[in-house]
Amino acid sequence: MKTTYALLVALCSFFLAWSITYAGPNADELAKTLNDEWEVIFYTLPSDQQAERFKALLPRIREFKAKYPYRAEPLVIEAVTQCTLVAAEWSFGALSDIENAKDLLLKAIDIDPKAMEAAAYIALGNLYYRLPGWPISFGDEDLARQYLESAVKLYPDEVDTNYFLGDYWLGEEEYDKALLYLEKAEKAKIRPEHELSDRHTMAETLKALDSARKRENGRDSFFADIVPSFFKQ
């Protein structure tokens, strides 16, 4: 009986690994397509035009998630899309959407912490240092730093990992620490597959560098408008 059970486990493991490997290229292409669409909406459209586009994008992301349940990418894309939808259009379900986004990002890290160049760590770091503790249980500077540092450890030379950690230290008025990461972000190469977001991040990097050198707190507003102002008082 034990031998039969062990054989079944081995076979299941083999077929699962094979199916993930076989599905890889198609999943990668779909992840890039959906992420590219998110970038166009977020970086090029006025805020009053974003909500409907994010709503139209979410069902396709969830189909992707259902088709590839063992991939981290659809979890990350869904979480970030949910957060940016909340920022574009507040609703009664917004708090649960943000909490769900956090759960998706944590699950993505469990599956593959390096997915999408550590995007789950970056997103969690942003949520924890830009949002209040009440009413959505974020507002934790230590956790924010840990997540952003984890992203830099995994991808030490990318513009986004260095920029967001540098921006964190800028918000803490730790200007020398901010400069360490922002100057590294400034030297990073623009990735052709992420040209739109990287160029936006590079522009934010230059503004943050100017603030850090002037010893001014110039923290970026990424995710900052995700909750109404009355929750921030």
Protein backbone atom coordinates (compact mmCIF):
# COMPACT_ATOMS: atom_id res chain seq x y z
CA MET A 1 0.00 0.00 0.00
CA LYS A 2 2.80 2.41 0.93
CA THR A 3 4.58 1.62 -2.31
CA THR A 4 1.43 2.30 -4.34
CA TYR A 5 0.82 5.58 -2.47
CA ALA A 6 4.42 6.70 -3.04
CA LEU A 7 4.12 5.88 -6.73
CA LEU A 8 0.91 7.92 -7.05
CA VAL A 9 2.51 10.90 -5.30
CA ALA A 10 5.52 10.67 -7.58
CA LEU A 11 3.35 10.47 -10.69
CA CYS A 12 1.20 13.42 -9.58
CA SER A 13 4.31 15.45 -8.87
CA PHE A 14 5.74 14.57 -12.27
CA PHE A 15 2.61 15.49 -14.20
CA LEU A 16 2.17 18.71 -12.22
CA ALA A 17 5.74 19.77 -12.91
CA TRP A 18 5.38 18.83 -16.57
CA SER A 19 2.14 20.75 -16.97
CA ILE A 20 3.62 23.89 -15.39
CA THR A 21 6.69 23.69 -17.62
CA TYR A 22 4.61 23.01 -20.70
CA ALA A 23 2.26 25.90 -19.93
CA GLY A 24 5.13 28.27 -19.19
CA PRO A 25 5.64 30.12 -22.49
CA ASN A 26 1.91 30.70 -23.02
CA ALA A 27 1.52 31.87 -19.43
CA ASP A 28 4.51 34.17 -19.78
CA GLU A 29 3.09 35.74 -22.92
CA LEU A 30 -0.31 36.23 -21.33
CA ALA A 31 1.24 37.76 -18.22
CA LYS A 32 3.16 40.24 -20.36
CA THR A 33 0.08 41.14 -22.40
CA LEU A 34 -2.06 41.81 -19.33
CA ASN A 35 0.69 43.67 -17.52
CA ASP A 36 1.34 45.82 -20.59
CA GLU A 37 -2.35 46.71 -20.71
CA TRP A 38 -2.31 47.64 -17.03
CA GLU A 39 0.73 49.88 -17.62
CA VAL A 40 -0.97 51.70 -20.50
CA ILE A 41 -4.08 52.34 -18.38
CA PHE A 42 -2.17 53.45 -15.29
CA TYR A 43 0.54 55.54 -16.90
CA THR A 44 -1.19 57.10 -19.91
CA LEU A 45 -4.89 57.59 -19.11
CA PRO A 46 -6.41 60.35 -16.96
CA SER A 47 -7.61 59.05 -13.59
CA ASP A 48 -11.28 59.59 -14.52
CA GLN A 49 -10.89 57.18 -17.45
CA GLN A 50 -9.04 54.44 -15.61
CA ALA A 51 -11.75 52.75 -13.55
CA GLU A 52 -13.78 51.31 -16.42
CA ARG A 53 -10.66 50.03 -18.14
CA PHE A 54 -9.44 48.33 -14.94
CA LYS A 55 -12.89 46.75 -14.49
CA ALA A 56 -12.74 45.37 -18.04
CA LEU A 57 -9.25 44.02 -17.44
CA LEU A 58 -9.98 42.15 -14.18
CA PRO A 59 -12.14 39.32 -15.64
CA ARG A 60 -9.37 38.46 -18.13
CA ILE A 61 -6.81 38.44 -15.32
CA ARG A 62 -9.02 36.11 -13.29
CA GLU A 63 -9.39 33.78 -16.28
CA PHE A 64 -5.59 33.74 -16.45
CA LYS A 65 -5.44 32.91 -12.73
CA ALA A 66 -7.97 30.08 -13.12
CA LYS A 67 -6.07 28.61 -16.07
CA TYR A 68 -2.68 28.78 -14.33
CA PRO A 69 -3.38 28.30 -10.60
CA TYR A 70 0.27 27.53 -9.82
CA ARG A 71 1.65 30.74 -11.32
CA ALA A 72 2.41 33.83 -9.27
CA GLU A 73 2.03 36.34 -12.13
CA PRO A 74 -1.79 36.45 -12.34
CA LEU A 75 -1.97 36.94 -8.57
CA VAL A 76 0.36 39.93 -8.74
CA ILE A 77 -1.40 41.50 -11.72
CA GLU A 78 -4.82 41.02 -10.13
CA ALA A 79 -3.68 42.51 -6.82
CA VAL A 80 -2.13 45.60 -8.38
CA THR A 81 -5.12 46.09 -10.69
CA GLN A 82 -7.50 45.87 -7.73
CA CYS A 83 -5.49 48.49 -5.83
CA THR A 84 -5.32 50.90 -8.74
CA LEU A 85 -9.04 50.41 -9.38
CA VAL A 86 -9.76 51.36 -5.77
CA ALA A 87 -7.56 54.44 -6.21
CA ALA A 88 -9.46 55.38 -9.38
CA GLU A 89 -12.93 54.70 -7.97
CA TRP A 90 -13.68 54.27 -4.28
CA SER A 91 -16.57 51.94 -3.47
CA PHE A 92 -18.17 50.25 -0.45
CA GLY A 93 -16.24 47.07 -1.22
CA ALA A 94 -12.91 48.86 -1.47
CA LEU A 95 -11.53 47.84 1.93
CA SER A 96 -12.16 44.15 1.26
CA ASP A 97 -10.62 44.56 -2.21
CA ILE A 98 -7.43 45.95 -0.65
CA GLU A 99 -7.32 43.17 1.92
CA ASN A 100 -7.84 40.63 -0.87
CA ALA A 101 -5.02 42.27 -2.84
CA LYS A 102 -2.69 41.80 0.14
CA ASP A 103 -3.65 38.11 0.36
CA LEU A 104 -2.99 37.66 -3.37
CA LEU A 105 0.46 39.25 -3.06
CA LEU A 106 1.40 37.07 -0.09
CA LYS A 107 0.28 33.97 -1.98
CA ALA A 108 2.31 35.07 -5.00
CA ILE A 109 5.42 35.34 -2.82
CA ASP A 110 4.81 31.82 -1.50
CA ILE A 111 4.63 30.52 -5.07
CA ASP A 112 7.51 32.48 -6.60
CA PRO A 113 9.02 35.52 -4.82
CA LYS A 114 10.99 36.45 -7.95
CA ALA A 115 7.96 36.59 -10.24
CA MET A 116 7.68 39.75 -12.32
CA GLU A 117 10.98 41.03 -10.90
CA ALA A 118 9.79 40.84 -7.27
CA ALA A 119 6.69 42.92 -8.02
CA ALA A 120 4.77 41.38 -5.12
CA TYR A 121 7.37 42.60 -2.63
CA ILE A 122 7.34 46.07 -4.20
CA ALA A 123 3.55 46.29 -4.12
CA LEU A 124 3.34 45.14 -0.49
CA GLY A 125 6.05 47.57 0.53
CA ASN A 126 4.16 50.41 -1.11
CA LEU A 127 0.89 49.45 0.56
CA TYR A 128 2.45 49.23 4.00
CA TYR A 129 4.25 52.56 3.90
CA ARG A 130 1.76 54.65 1.94
CA LEU A 131 -1.54 53.58 3.50
CA PRO A 132 -2.83 54.16 7.04
CA GLY A 133 -3.16 51.46 9.67
CA TRP A 134 -6.85 52.19 10.10
CA PRO A 135 -9.19 51.21 8.53
CA ILE A 136 -7.23 48.77 6.36
CA SER A 137 -4.49 47.39 8.63
CA PHE A 138 -1.46 48.72 6.80
CA GLY A 139 0.64 51.66 7.97
CA ASP A 140 3.60 49.56 9.15
CA GLU A 141 6.96 51.17 8.38
CA ASP A 142 9.03 48.16 9.48
CA LEU A 143 7.11 45.72 7.30
CA ALA A 144 7.27 48.15 4.40
CA ARG A 145 11.05 48.35 4.66
CA GLN A 146 11.42 44.57 4.93
CA TYR A 147 9.37 43.98 1.78
CA LEU A 148 11.20 46.65 -0.21
CA GLU A 149 14.59 45.40 0.98
CA SER A 150 13.60 41.88 -0.09
CA ALA A 151 12.89 43.18 -3.59
CA VAL A 152 16.30 44.85 -3.79
CA LYS A 153 18.04 41.69 -2.59
CA LEU A 154 16.40 39.69 -5.36
CA TYR A 155 16.92 42.36 -8.07
CA PRO A 156 19.72 44.67 -6.90
CA ASP A 157 20.23 46.51 -10.19
CA GLU A 158 16.70 47.34 -11.36
CA VAL A 159 15.30 50.85 -11.49
CA ASP A 160 12.04 50.04 -9.70
CA THR A 161 13.44 48.04 -6.78
CA ASN A 162 16.01 50.72 -6.00
CA TYR A 163 13.68 53.63 -6.62
CA PHE A 164 10.95 52.44 -4.26
CA LEU A 165 13.37 51.66 -1.43
CA GLY A 166 15.05 55.02 -1.99
CA ASP A 167 11.67 56.73 -1.96
CA TYR A 168 10.84 54.94 1.30
CA TRP A 169 13.97 56.35 2.94
CA LEU A 170 13.19 59.76 1.49
CA GLY A 171 9.81 59.66 3.23
CA GLU A 172 11.60 58.75 6.46
CA GLU A 173 13.90 61.77 5.97
CA GLU A 174 16.91 59.45 5.91
CA TYR A 175 18.47 61.34 3.02
CA ASP A 176 21.83 59.57 2.83
CA LYS A 177 20.12 56.18 2.71
CA ALA A 178 17.69 57.50 0.10
CA LEU A 179 20.55 58.73 -2.08
CA LEU A 180 22.26 55.34 -1.93
CA TYR A 181 19.32 53.65 -3.68
CA LEU A 182 18.11 56.53 -5.81
CA GLU A 183 21.55 57.01 -7.37
CA LYS A 184 21.62 53.30 -8.14
CA ALA A 185 18.15 53.56 -9.69
CA GLU A 186 19.34 56.46 -11.85
CA LYS A 187 22.10 54.26 -13.29
CA ALA A 188 19.79 51.33 -14.05
CA LYS A 189 19.03 50.37 -17.63
CA ILE A 190 15.58 50.86 -19.09
CA ARG A 191 14.20 47.38 -19.77
CA PRO A 192 12.72 47.12 -23.28
CA GLU A 193 9.92 44.86 -22.03
CA HIS A 194 9.00 47.45 -19.37
CA GLU A 195 9.88 50.64 -21.20
CA LEU A 196 6.72 52.56 -20.31
CA SER A 197 6.85 51.88 -16.56
CA ASP A 198 10.64 52.14 -16.35
CA ARG A 199 10.69 55.55 -18.03
CA HIS A 200 8.01 56.76 -15.63
CA THR A 201 9.96 55.36 -12.68
CA MET A 202 13.15 56.98 -13.95
CA ALA A 203 11.40 60.36 -14.12
CA GLU A 204 10.21 59.87 -10.53
CA THR A 205 13.74 58.84 -9.56
CA LEU A 206 15.16 62.13 -10.84
CA LYS A 207 12.58 64.12 -8.86
CA ALA A 208 13.28 62.09 -5.72
CA LEU A 209 17.03 62.58 -6.18
CA ASP A 210 16.52 66.33 -6.32
CA SER A 211 14.51 66.21 -3.09
CA ALA A 212 17.06 63.99 -1.35
CA ARG A 213 19.95 66.26 -2.31
CA LYS A 214 18.02 69.28 -1.02
CA ARG A 215 17.16 67.38 2.18
CA GLU A 216 13.45 67.68 1.44
CA ASN A 217 10.74 65.06 1.94
CA GLY A 218 9.42 64.50 -1.56
CA ARG A 219 7.78 61.07 -1.28
CA ASP A 220 6.01 59.86 -4.43
CA SER A 221 2.21 59.50 -4.43
CA PHE A 222 2.11 55.94 -5.84
CA PHE A 223 -0.88 54.17 -4.19
CA ALA A 224 -1.27 57.22 -1.90
CA ASP A 225 -4.79 58.05 -3.13
CA ILE A 226 -6.11 54.56 -2.60
CA VAL A 227 -8.34 55.63 0.32
CA PRO A 228 -10.41 58.79 0.76
CA SER A 229 -8.73 61.67 2.56
CA PHE A 230 -11.03 61.45 5.59
CA PHE A 231 -9.48 58.06 6.49
CA LYS A 232 -6.01 59.68 6.62
CA GLN A 233 -6.78 62.29 9.27
